Amino acid sequence: MKPINLSIIAVPAAAMTLVKTALFAGALLAFAPAVVLGQPIEKKGTTPYVTHFIFRPLMSIDIAGLGTATTLEAVGTTQNMKGEKMLDKMSAHCAALNVASGDKKYIDGACVLADGDGDKIFSTFDTRDLDKSQPKMDCGTHIITGGTGKYKGITGSEPFACITMPALAGPGGYFAMDIPHNTTWEIK
């Protein structure tokens, strides 16, 4: 039997483009699965990360003789301090209540972190809840309460510090903080 010379068969340009695209996609899957399919998330670990926040005061109530309560919205992005994927380059959106009454000052709130795939991690936080075993994380603790997508079933604890940044230009009372976290988490 004589071999067929494929170079003389007329193939429509669109079909040839489709074949080339399929071959290229196959090569990507074979040689770079982590890039094409994403790296898997570990099921548990300890992750240091920083959220670079901008805080916006929404409303403030002054009560004579008692103090002030201010609602805040905070937005920012995260940066994993070990260069790992977990808790890196996520968008952060939080709502908080800042209470100042005499010598009592605290902030309580809730946050959502979202990654590039749209998967989310939910947490609450309290600046009165300090983890004494981590004295450098002296500003409060986030409690991870759940998540969606690849983070479904996540729980954990995130002691954090508060680093005040230089004053922001412009009106509105906006202010910036870097919030380093030392997160211990598990996905069940």
C-alpha atoms as a PDB file:
ATOM      1  CA  MET A   1       0.000   0.000   0.000  1.00  0.00           C
ATOM      2  CA  LYS A   2       1.322   3.399  -0.990  1.00  0.00           C
ATOM      3  CA  PRO A   3       1.331   6.271   1.627  1.00  0.00           C
ATOM      4  CA  ILE A   4      -0.952   9.226   0.921  1.00  0.00           C
ATOM      5  CA  ASN A   5       0.739  12.569   0.295  1.00  0.00           C
ATOM      6  CA  LEU A   6      -1.333  14.940   2.483  1.00  0.00           C
ATOM      7  CA  SER A   7       0.309  18.040   1.052  1.00  0.00           C
ATOM      8  CA  ILE A   8      -1.718  17.719  -2.138  1.00  0.00           C
ATOM      9  CA  ILE A   9      -5.132  17.521  -0.406  1.00  0.00           C
ATOM     10  CA  ALA A  10      -7.023  20.818  -0.492  1.00  0.00           C
ATOM     11  CA  VAL A  11      -8.140  21.806   3.025  1.00  0.00           C
ATOM     12  CA  PRO A  12     -10.289  24.911   3.509  1.00  0.00           C
ATOM     13  CA  ALA A  13      -8.458  27.723   5.386  1.00  0.00           C
ATOM     14  CA  ALA A  14     -11.073  27.796   8.178  1.00  0.00           C
ATOM     15  CA  ALA A  15     -10.648  24.069   8.820  1.00  0.00           C
ATOM     16  CA  MET A  16      -6.854  24.425   8.864  1.00  0.00           C
ATOM     17  CA  THR A  17      -7.120  27.287  11.392  1.00  0.00           C
ATOM     18  CA  LEU A  18      -9.371  25.125  13.574  1.00  0.00           C
ATOM     19  CA  VAL A  19      -6.896  22.242  13.429  1.00  0.00           C
ATOM     20  CA  LYS A  20      -3.984  24.547  14.327  1.00  0.00           C
ATOM     21  CA  THR A  21      -5.941  26.032  17.222  1.00  0.00           C
ATOM     22  CA  ALA A  22      -6.823  22.574  18.557  1.00  0.00           C
ATOM     23  CA  LEU A  23      -3.190  21.456  18.305  1.00  0.00           C
ATOM     24  CA  PHE A  24      -2.000  24.604  20.107  1.00  0.00           C
ATOM     25  CA  ALA A  25      -4.573  24.146  22.900  1.00  0.00           C
ATOM     26  CA  GLY A  26      -3.512  20.517  23.271  1.00  0.00           C
ATOM     27  CA  ALA A  27       0.127  21.571  23.537  1.00  0.00           C
ATOM     28  CA  LEU A  28      -0.761  24.114  26.241  1.00  0.00           C
ATOM     29  CA  LEU A  29      -2.611  21.475  28.253  1.00  0.00           C
ATOM     30  CA  ALA A  30       0.278  19.034  27.905  1.00  0.00           C
ATOM     31  CA  PHE A  31       3.101  21.441  28.722  1.00  0.00           C
ATOM     32  CA  ALA A  32       1.532  24.056  31.016  1.00  0.00           C
ATOM     33  CA  PRO A  33      -1.413  22.572  32.938  1.00  0.00           C
ATOM     34  CA  ALA A  34      -0.838  24.851  35.945  1.00  0.00           C
ATOM     35  CA  VAL A  35      -1.145  27.940  33.748  1.00  0.00           C
ATOM     36  CA  VAL A  36      -4.156  26.778  31.739  1.00  0.00           C
ATOM     37  CA  LEU A  37      -6.108  25.000  34.466  1.00  0.00           C
ATOM     38  CA  GLY A  38      -4.948  26.982  37.540  1.00  0.00           C
ATOM     39  CA  GLN A  39      -3.052  25.698  40.512  1.00  0.00           C
ATOM     40  CA  PRO A  40      -5.066  23.748  43.073  1.00  0.00           C
ATOM     41  CA  ILE A  41      -5.742  25.376  46.446  1.00  0.00           C
ATOM     42  CA  GLU A  42      -4.286  23.584  49.449  1.00  0.00           C
ATOM     43  CA  LYS A  43      -6.844  22.250  51.939  1.00  0.00           C
ATOM     44  CA  LYS A  44      -5.217  23.955  54.949  1.00  0.00           C
ATOM     45  CA  GLY A  45      -2.317  26.157  55.853  1.00  0.00           C
ATOM     46  CA  THR A  46      -0.937  29.310  57.405  1.00  0.00           C
ATOM     47  CA  THR A  47      -0.713  32.333  55.156  1.00  0.00           C
ATOM     48  CA  PRO A  48       0.691  35.796  55.885  1.00  0.00           C
ATOM     49  CA  TYR A  49      -0.861  38.478  53.706  1.00  0.00           C
ATOM     50  CA  VAL A  50      -1.474  42.229  53.722  1.00  0.00           C
ATOM     51  CA  THR A  51      -4.631  44.030  52.618  1.00  0.00           C
ATOM     52  CA  HIS A  52      -4.019  47.565  51.322  1.00  0.00           C
ATOM     53  CA  PHE A  53      -7.230  49.346  52.383  1.00  0.00           C
ATOM     54  CA  ILE A  54      -8.882  52.686  51.668  1.00  0.00           C
ATOM     55  CA  PHE A  55     -11.564  53.503  54.286  1.00  0.00           C
ATOM     56  CA  ARG A  56     -14.518  55.758  53.492  1.00  0.00           C
ATOM     57  CA  PRO A  57     -16.691  57.162  56.302  1.00  0.00           C
ATOM     58  CA  LEU A  58     -20.359  56.744  55.375  1.00  0.00           C
ATOM     59  CA  MET A  59     -22.253  58.204  58.337  1.00  0.00           C
ATOM     60  CA  SER A  60     -21.397  59.405  61.815  1.00  0.00           C
ATOM     61  CA  ILE A  61     -23.602  59.857  64.873  1.00  0.00           C
ATOM     62  CA  ASP A  62     -22.402  61.944  67.824  1.00  0.00           C
ATOM     63  CA  ILE A  63     -24.149  61.285  71.110  1.00  0.00           C
ATOM     64  CA  ALA A  64     -23.396  63.968  73.723  1.00  0.00           C
ATOM     65  CA  GLY A  65     -21.707  62.561  76.800  1.00  0.00           C
ATOM     66  CA  LEU A  66     -21.346  59.105  75.230  1.00  0.00           C
ATOM     67  CA  GLY A  67     -19.249  59.299  72.064  1.00  0.00           C
ATOM     68  CA  THR A  68     -19.336  58.742  68.327  1.00  0.00           C
ATOM     69  CA  ALA A  69     -20.337  55.827  66.106  1.00  0.00           C
ATOM     70  CA  THR A  70     -19.205  55.933  62.486  1.00  0.00           C
ATOM     71  CA  THR A  71     -20.040  53.471  59.734  1.00  0.00           C
ATOM     72  CA  LEU A  72     -17.177  52.768  57.337  1.00  0.00           C
ATOM     73  CA  GLU A  73     -16.739  51.111  53.975  1.00  0.00           C
ATOM     74  CA  ALA A  74     -13.296  49.710  53.165  1.00  0.00           C
ATOM     75  CA  VAL A  75     -12.011  48.494  49.807  1.00  0.00           C
ATOM     76  CA  GLY A  76      -8.598  47.207  48.841  1.00  0.00           C
ATOM     77  CA  THR A  77      -6.475  44.400  47.458  1.00  0.00           C
ATOM     78  CA  THR A  78      -4.509  41.596  49.091  1.00  0.00           C
ATOM     79  CA  GLN A  79      -0.859  40.597  48.738  1.00  0.00           C
ATOM     80  CA  ASN A  80       0.442  37.182  49.870  1.00  0.00           C
ATOM     81  CA  MET A  81       3.740  37.831  51.660  1.00  0.00           C
ATOM     82  CA  LYS A  82       5.211  34.443  50.642  1.00  0.00           C
ATOM     83  CA  GLY A  83       4.358  34.894  46.943  1.00  0.00           C
ATOM     84  CA  GLU A  84       1.821  32.051  47.034  1.00  0.00           C
ATOM     85  CA  LYS A  85      -1.577  31.985  45.327  1.00  0.00           C
ATOM     86  CA  MET A  86      -3.701  31.682  48.500  1.00  0.00           C
ATOM     87  CA  LEU A  87      -5.073  35.075  49.584  1.00  0.00           C
ATOM     88  CA  ASP A  88      -3.076  36.891  46.871  1.00  0.00           C
ATOM     89  CA  LYS A  89      -4.420  39.513  44.478  1.00  0.00           C
ATOM     90  CA  MET A  90      -7.938  39.308  45.861  1.00  0.00           C
ATOM     91  CA  SER A  91     -10.295  42.275  46.065  1.00  0.00           C
ATOM     92  CA  ALA A  92     -11.505  43.129  49.559  1.00  0.00           C
ATOM     93  CA  HIS A  93     -14.763  44.856  50.468  1.00  0.00           C
ATOM     94  CA  CYS A  94     -15.720  45.458  54.110  1.00  0.00           C
ATOM     95  CA  ALA A  95     -18.393  47.223  56.129  1.00  0.00           C
ATOM     96  CA  ALA A  96     -17.554  48.320  59.674  1.00  0.00           C
ATOM     97  CA  LEU A  97     -18.771  50.211  62.727  1.00  0.00           C
ATOM     98  CA  ASN A  98     -16.168  52.399  64.451  1.00  0.00           C
ATOM     99  CA  VAL A  99     -17.148  53.236  68.052  1.00  0.00           C
ATOM    100  CA  ALA A 100     -15.342  55.852  70.156  1.00  0.00           C
ATOM    101  CA  SER A 101     -16.785  56.251  73.664  1.00  0.00           C
ATOM    102  CA  GLY A 102     -14.427  57.723  76.261  1.00  0.00           C
ATOM    103  CA  ASP A 103     -11.406  55.444  76.490  1.00  0.00           C
ATOM    104  CA  LYS A 104     -13.242  52.649  74.614  1.00  0.00           C
ATOM    105  CA  LYS A 105     -12.433  52.557  70.907  1.00  0.00           C
ATOM    106  CA  TYR A 106     -13.133  49.597  68.666  1.00  0.00           C
ATOM    107  CA  ILE A 107     -14.139  48.591  65.156  1.00  0.00           C
ATOM    108  CA  ASP A 108     -16.340  45.582  64.315  1.00  0.00           C
ATOM    109  CA  GLY A 109     -17.299  44.500  60.833  1.00  0.00           C
ATOM    110  CA  ALA A 110     -17.541  41.966  58.048  1.00  0.00           C
ATOM    111  CA  CYS A 111     -15.542  41.437  54.847  1.00  0.00           C
ATOM    112  CA  VAL A 112     -15.707  39.633  51.525  1.00  0.00           C
ATOM    113  CA  LEU A 113     -12.563  38.734  49.576  1.00  0.00           C
ATOM    114  CA  ALA A 114     -13.026  37.804  45.902  1.00  0.00           C
ATOM    115  CA  ASP A 115     -10.436  36.220  43.603  1.00  0.00           C
ATOM    116  CA  GLY A 116     -10.102  36.558  39.828  1.00  0.00           C
ATOM    117  CA  ASP A 117     -12.485  33.606  39.300  1.00  0.00           C
ATOM    118  CA  GLY A 118     -15.211  35.312  41.381  1.00  0.00           C
ATOM    119  CA  ASP A 119     -14.862  32.815  44.261  1.00  0.00           C
ATOM    120  CA  LYS A 120     -15.272  34.452  47.690  1.00  0.00           C
ATOM    121  CA  ILE A 121     -14.128  34.195  51.306  1.00  0.00           C
ATOM    122  CA  PHE A 122     -16.329  35.693  54.066  1.00  0.00           C
ATOM    123  CA  SER A 123     -15.158  36.898  57.471  1.00  0.00           C
ATOM    124  CA  THR A 124     -16.159  38.981  60.465  1.00  0.00           C
ATOM    125  CA  PHE A 125     -13.727  40.972  62.601  1.00  0.00           C
ATOM    126  CA  ASP A 126     -13.430  42.530  66.034  1.00  0.00           C
ATOM    127  CA  THR A 127     -10.603  44.822  67.180  1.00  0.00           C
ATOM    128  CA  ARG A 128     -11.229  43.795  70.822  1.00  0.00           C
ATOM    129  CA  ASP A 129     -10.445  40.124  70.026  1.00  0.00           C
ATOM    130  CA  LEU A 130      -6.639  39.897  70.304  1.00  0.00           C
ATOM    131  CA  ASP A 131      -4.597  36.712  69.886  1.00  0.00           C
ATOM    132  CA  LYS A 132      -2.137  36.936  72.808  1.00  0.00           C
ATOM    133  CA  SER A 133       0.080  34.253  71.199  1.00  0.00           C
ATOM    134  CA  GLN A 134       0.836  36.688  68.321  1.00  0.00           C
ATOM    135  CA  PRO A 135       1.748  39.990  70.012  1.00  0.00           C
ATOM    136  CA  LYS A 136       2.710  41.690  66.716  1.00  0.00           C
ATOM    137  CA  MET A 137      -0.846  41.128  65.450  1.00  0.00           C
ATOM    138  CA  ASP A 138      -2.183  43.636  67.967  1.00  0.00           C
ATOM    139  CA  CYS A 139      -5.181  45.201  66.233  1.00  0.00           C
ATOM    140  CA  GLY A 140      -7.834  42.438  66.229  1.00  0.00           C
ATOM    141  CA  THR A 141      -8.902  39.156  64.677  1.00  0.00           C
ATOM    142  CA  HIS A 142     -10.885  38.142  61.606  1.00  0.00           C
ATOM    143  CA  ILE A 143     -12.891  34.927  61.857  1.00  0.00           C
ATOM    144  CA  ILE A 144     -13.335  33.217  58.476  1.00  0.00           C
ATOM    145  CA  THR A 145     -16.961  32.091  58.324  1.00  0.00           C
ATOM    146  CA  GLY A 146     -17.197  30.459  54.872  1.00  0.00           C
ATOM    147  CA  GLY A 147     -16.738  30.845  51.161  1.00  0.00           C
ATOM    148  CA  THR A 148     -17.904  29.979  47.662  1.00  0.00           C
ATOM    149  CA  GLY A 149     -16.408  27.977  44.794  1.00  0.00           C
ATOM    150  CA  LYS A 150     -12.935  26.670  45.621  1.00  0.00           C
ATOM    151  CA  TYR A 151     -13.255  28.211  49.126  1.00  0.00           C
ATOM    152  CA  LYS A 152     -16.540  26.473  50.013  1.00  0.00           C
ATOM    153  CA  GLY A 153     -16.227  25.086  53.555  1.00  0.00           C
ATOM    154  CA  ILE A 154     -13.318  27.358  54.565  1.00  0.00           C
ATOM    155  CA  THR A 155     -12.909  28.358  58.211  1.00  0.00           C
ATOM    156  CA  GLY A 156     -10.084  29.998  60.070  1.00  0.00           C
ATOM    157  CA  SER A 157      -8.652  32.728  62.230  1.00  0.00           C
ATOM    158  CA  GLU A 158      -6.772  35.828  61.081  1.00  0.00           C
ATOM    159  CA  PRO A 159      -5.086  37.903  63.791  1.00  0.00           C
ATOM    160  CA  PHE A 160      -4.153  41.264  62.252  1.00  0.00           C
ATOM    161  CA  ALA A 161      -2.182  44.444  62.819  1.00  0.00           C
ATOM    162  CA  CYS A 162      -3.042  47.990  61.705  1.00  0.00           C
ATOM    163  CA  ILE A 163      -0.482  50.202  59.980  1.00  0.00           C
ATOM    164  CA  THR A 164      -1.708  53.757  59.397  1.00  0.00           C
ATOM    165  CA  MET A 165      -0.670  55.163  56.024  1.00  0.00           C
ATOM    166  CA  PRO A 166      -0.083  58.845  55.152  1.00  0.00           C
ATOM    167  CA  ALA A 167      -3.155  61.060  54.918  1.00  0.00           C
ATOM    168  CA  LEU A 168      -4.988  60.895  51.611  1.00  0.00           C
ATOM    169  CA  ALA A 169      -5.418  64.003  49.481  1.00  0.00           C
ATOM    170  CA  GLY A 170      -8.863  65.449  48.964  1.00  0.00           C
ATOM    171  CA  PRO A 171     -12.060  65.852  50.971  1.00  0.00           C
ATOM    172  CA  GLY A 172     -14.366  63.247  52.480  1.00  0.00           C
ATOM    173  CA  GLY A 173     -12.373  61.962  55.459  1.00  0.00           C
ATOM    174  CA  TYR A 174     -10.981  58.956  53.551  1.00  0.00           C
ATOM    175  CA  PHE A 175      -7.964  57.247  55.138  1.00  0.00           C
ATOM    176  CA  ALA A 176      -5.640  54.380  54.239  1.00  0.00           C
ATOM    177  CA  MET A 177      -4.273  51.463  56.260  1.00  0.00           C
ATOM    178  CA  ASP A 178      -2.233  48.385  55.545  1.00  0.00           C
ATOM    179  CA  ILE A 179      -3.622  45.423  57.476  1.00  0.00           C
ATOM    180  CA  PRO A 180      -1.150  42.506  57.802  1.00  0.00           C
ATOM    181  CA  HIS A 181      -2.856  39.190  58.630  1.00  0.00           C
ATOM    182  CA  ASN A 182      -1.414  35.900  59.838  1.00  0.00           C
ATOM    183  CA  THR A 183      -4.101  33.480  58.702  1.00  0.00           C
ATOM    184  CA  THR A 184      -4.581  29.870  59.726  1.00  0.00           C
ATOM    185  CA  TRP A 185      -7.283  28.304  57.552  1.00  0.00           C
ATOM    186  CA  GLU A 186      -8.802  24.973  56.549  1.00  0.00           C
ATOM    187  CA  ILE A 187     -11.207  23.917  53.799  1.00  0.00           C
ATOM    188  CA  LYS A 188     -13.400  20.942  54.787  1.00  0.00           C
END
